[in-house]
Structures are given as C-alpha cells and as structure tokens.
C-alpha cells in the first residue's frame, strides 16, 4: 500500500491530512465530500485513537483506477477475454504470447521469508471507522476475505471476496469477536456450508491494504475456473505471495493487516445496521461470528477504507473498471446476449439493462419477444445478476447503435416499443439482494422482465392532456422524462387500503388519453424524483417490489399472465417495512468545514 500511495502522491493523485481526524463519522464525511468534488485519494495521517494511518478514495475516479494499473491493465483484459473465448489463441496465436506469460507469472507464490515482517496488535488499536450515524459500530469496508474449501484445501480452490466486517458494537466481545456479513450467491457461503456439514469450524483470513489489485480481485465477477489470487497477481504485475502461520491460517505477505479467525457452525449474532450502497441502511440480522485468533500488521501499515452510500460513490469507479475489464466476457457466457449493464444510479443490483438478439422467427412480420426471454432467464440465473429485481431487455436488431450505458436513450427505446398487455414477465416468491428491503423479508421479493421488440408503437409524451386530473390523495404530476409521469401520493398505510386506492386511481386514469405516457411512478416527492434521471432511477427501483408494487390502467389476466392496456404504475413510495435512507449528521458536516478553510488541508 505504501508504494501505491507514494506513486499516487508523486503524480498528484493524493493529498495528506496531518491534523487529527475522528474516525467516528468525521473521516467518512470528509471522504464523501472529496469524492463528490472529484478529488484525490486521501491519506489520514493522524486517526484519533489509533496509531495507524488510513487511506481512502484510491478508486475515486476511473482515470485514477486505470492509472494505478497502467502497466498491466491491457494484458489482464486479454487474459479475461482469452478465458472466455479460448479459440482466440488459435486465430491469433502470436497476439497472446505475452498474455500467456502473464497468466503463468500470476500463479500464487508460497514465501516463508515474510513471516518476520509482521507484528501483532488488537482490534481496538485499529482505525475504528464508523461511517453513518445509525451504523451498529465500526466496519471494514475494503476487506479481502479469504477462505478455503475444507475438502480441497489450498489457494487454488480458495475464495477471495469483499464482505463487510463489523469490528465492534452490538453484542460482539471486543478483540475476541467480529461480525462477518456476506450476501447469498457468494463463494464463502459454499465453503461455510461444506465446513458445517462436517461439523468443522471454517478458517477465515481478512486482509486489509496491500496492492490495490488484491482489493479489486476480491470484487471481480471472474469467469468460472479463474482464481482471484491468480487475477490479483496478473493485475498487480506480481505473484500473490503468501504463507501459513503456526495455526494454519493463510497470510497474504503483501497485506498491511491480516485478521485471522474461525467461524463455527450455527454461531451467529446480529450484525448491523450499516449504511449501504443502495442509499439505505441494511438492518441488524443474524450473521456468522468470526472468533478472532490474531491481528497482524506490517511495519508502517496503512489502513484502507471506503464509504458506501447512495450512488455514485467510490464503488461506482470500481464497477466501471470491472466492466471495462470483463465487459467482453459476459456476452460469451450467455448465447445471444450483446451487453448487460447493472445500473449504478439504482444501486446496481435492483436494475439491469440488457441488449440481446431476436432471431427465433425472422420469417414473421409481427415481432414479439422470444429469444429475449430465453436470454433474460440466463441473465437472472447468473451469479450476482440473479439479485436483480428489474430487467429491461431490448433487441439489437431494432437499433444496432443502442447502448445500455446511455440510460435515458435506452429507457425511451423500451417505452416506445413495449406492449404492457404482453411484455411483462414476473418471477414471484423469489430471492433478491440481502441489502434490499423493498420485499417482504430478508432476501425475499420478486423480479420482473420488461422485454421490448419491434417497431415503435407510440410517441412518448412531453405534455399532459389539458383535461388531465387526479383523484383525491394524488397531486402534483411531473414529467420526469418523455413518457414518464411522477405523481405525489399520500403516505403509504397498509396493503389492503392501498390496493383499493390503486384500483380507484387506475379507473380514474382510464378516462384520459395517456398513450404517450406508458409509465407512471407514484412517489413521496414528485419534484425531487423528476428533477434528475438519477433520482428517477434511484427512487423507482429501490423503493418497489415488482409483484407487490406494480399496478396498471385497465389490468387483466390471460392464462395467468398479468398485463394492462393503459400505463403501467409503479408504487415507489416509502413503505413501513423499508429501511431508513442515509442522512448525514449535520453537526459533523459543520465540524469538518475546518479542513476547507484557508490553510486547511483541503
């Protein structure tokens, strides 16, 4: 980590704060403000209550992320592409010689010489950074959590993932217990299930700091069979070096800190709340307890952290870099898929945009989604993409220049073509993101696919009909983007009463000509939602559970398939079961202004 910081500082990408900073909320608010201004990485040299400095915002811009990996990025892209399409070697054998060498040099290296470079400390001596006012304690937000398969031990069958770690608070015994939170569909869960089945504790090593390539490797959606440790070595330009301590725990020789511990079967404690990347708190729930064995650190170790919250945040740049590296891999894994985009503004997991091919019945003049639905099923069964709630998918043949990254254009393309009678496909009583509280329980909710194929069937409206009115309880309609109306609704009460209100609203709207407005969003503040596309995406798709919160004008069933003739209505109001949104502490915001005064560090 020290070498990376020196390199960034030399090239003007890092600033130091020498004054003492409180890890209780202050460091996080400083980070958020600097990130929002497109600022540099931040080295906090004097963390109150800790002897260790801390760094954040390393990945704060895509340009800085690419700068850190400037010597290896292209070869890593080639490596991922080669793993997804091995035939490229036969087609262009000499183009991939260097890539093959990169892969061989990236194999993990066992190296005992580094044992003497580590000292020991305790959890309470670390920078205990609390990020949001309602957080349950201090968290590690940039950990690399390492586990091995108990049936096939060793680094080549390991998992390196980024799962948040709660260091103190709640019911944890300080210095002896910490919380381990991981979402479903994660590799560590498979390892823990195997250990549980054998009645054995699972050994866990938590790495913090070290080369930035190691942190990126922990969040990469790698092709099956490509090890995170190998990827870390390839991206960092140096093999992942490791050894095992006297208790048999894997130690990353290049990490700044290593926490070792064990997870025992059926030993859980409440972890959280925690301000998370959807822009809300994830609440306290039982998760595995990590019984701490040792806390190691290098000489001059530097703690690495980030702050998550409503996008965009530092993990937005993470995501952009990941997409640049792996963007070519996903279409090769799903036949017919051209591209897929997890929409950052909506918190990533809730909303996917995709483009596929529609080739099943080219002889028919009337087009309808067919191959797109097969592709959609593939997408929603793929790793973390399976956590999505909403999937919008279009056919490349209808507009070869369409891009999922051009979000406003993509939404308009869908809304111009979609037939709500036919093109809505629900998945009910299924899993959604652990961090998403729009459903009716932890990991529980629904999904929907909106698939649009063919020529335009409507022009999107930009002005409401002169005679347009709303029934009592609804007011202040705003046009967010062409074709989308946001409407203020009274606060949500309870399901039965709200369903009756939706029925009345649907009947009322049915008397108007709204063909140019295929989508209506009900919300708590229509002016806020309509003010920016990001607000529209965030509110609409984080505050709704498709099967429960989608209604329509003139709805109907055909063979159990639900559709509607008029506009689709999404109820995106806050519900009683939703988690609270993230709000900064105003006193802390005032306190940190000292760093922006003349002669202040910022």
Foldseek 3Di string as FASTA:
>chain_A
DVVLQVVCVVVVQEFEFADEAELEAQVQVVQVVCLVVVHHKYWYCHYPQANFIAIECCLSALVSVCVLLVPQQVLLLVLQLCVQPVCVCVVPVVVCPVSVVLLVQQAAAEDPPLPVQKDFDFLSRDRQHAHFPFKQTGKFQQKFKKFAAPVDDDQQRIATAGWMKAQDGDPDDHRFKIFTDDWPLGPVVVRCVNCVVVQHWTKMKIFFAFRPLLSLLNHAPGDPSDGSQSSSCSSNVHYFYWYADPVGHIDGSRGQKMWIFIWGPPAWDWHIQGAAQLQFTQHTDTGTMTGTDTMMGGVNRYGYHFHHHQDDGSVVSSVVSSCVSNQSNVCSVQDFWDGKFQDSLQSRAAEMETEGAADPCPPDPDDDDDVQVVSVVVQCVDRSNVQYAEYEYEYCVAPVPDDVVVPLVRVQVLLQFFQQQPFKDKAAFAFHIQRAQLADDRRTFIHIYGYGYDDGPAAFDDDDDPPDDFDPQKDDWDDQHGQEIEIEGDADDDQVVVVVVLVVRLANVLVDPSSNRQEYEYENDRCQCSVHVSSVSSQQRRQHGVVRFKDHRQWDDDPNDIGHRGHIYGYRYHDPRGGGGTDHDVVSVVVNCQQVPVVHSD
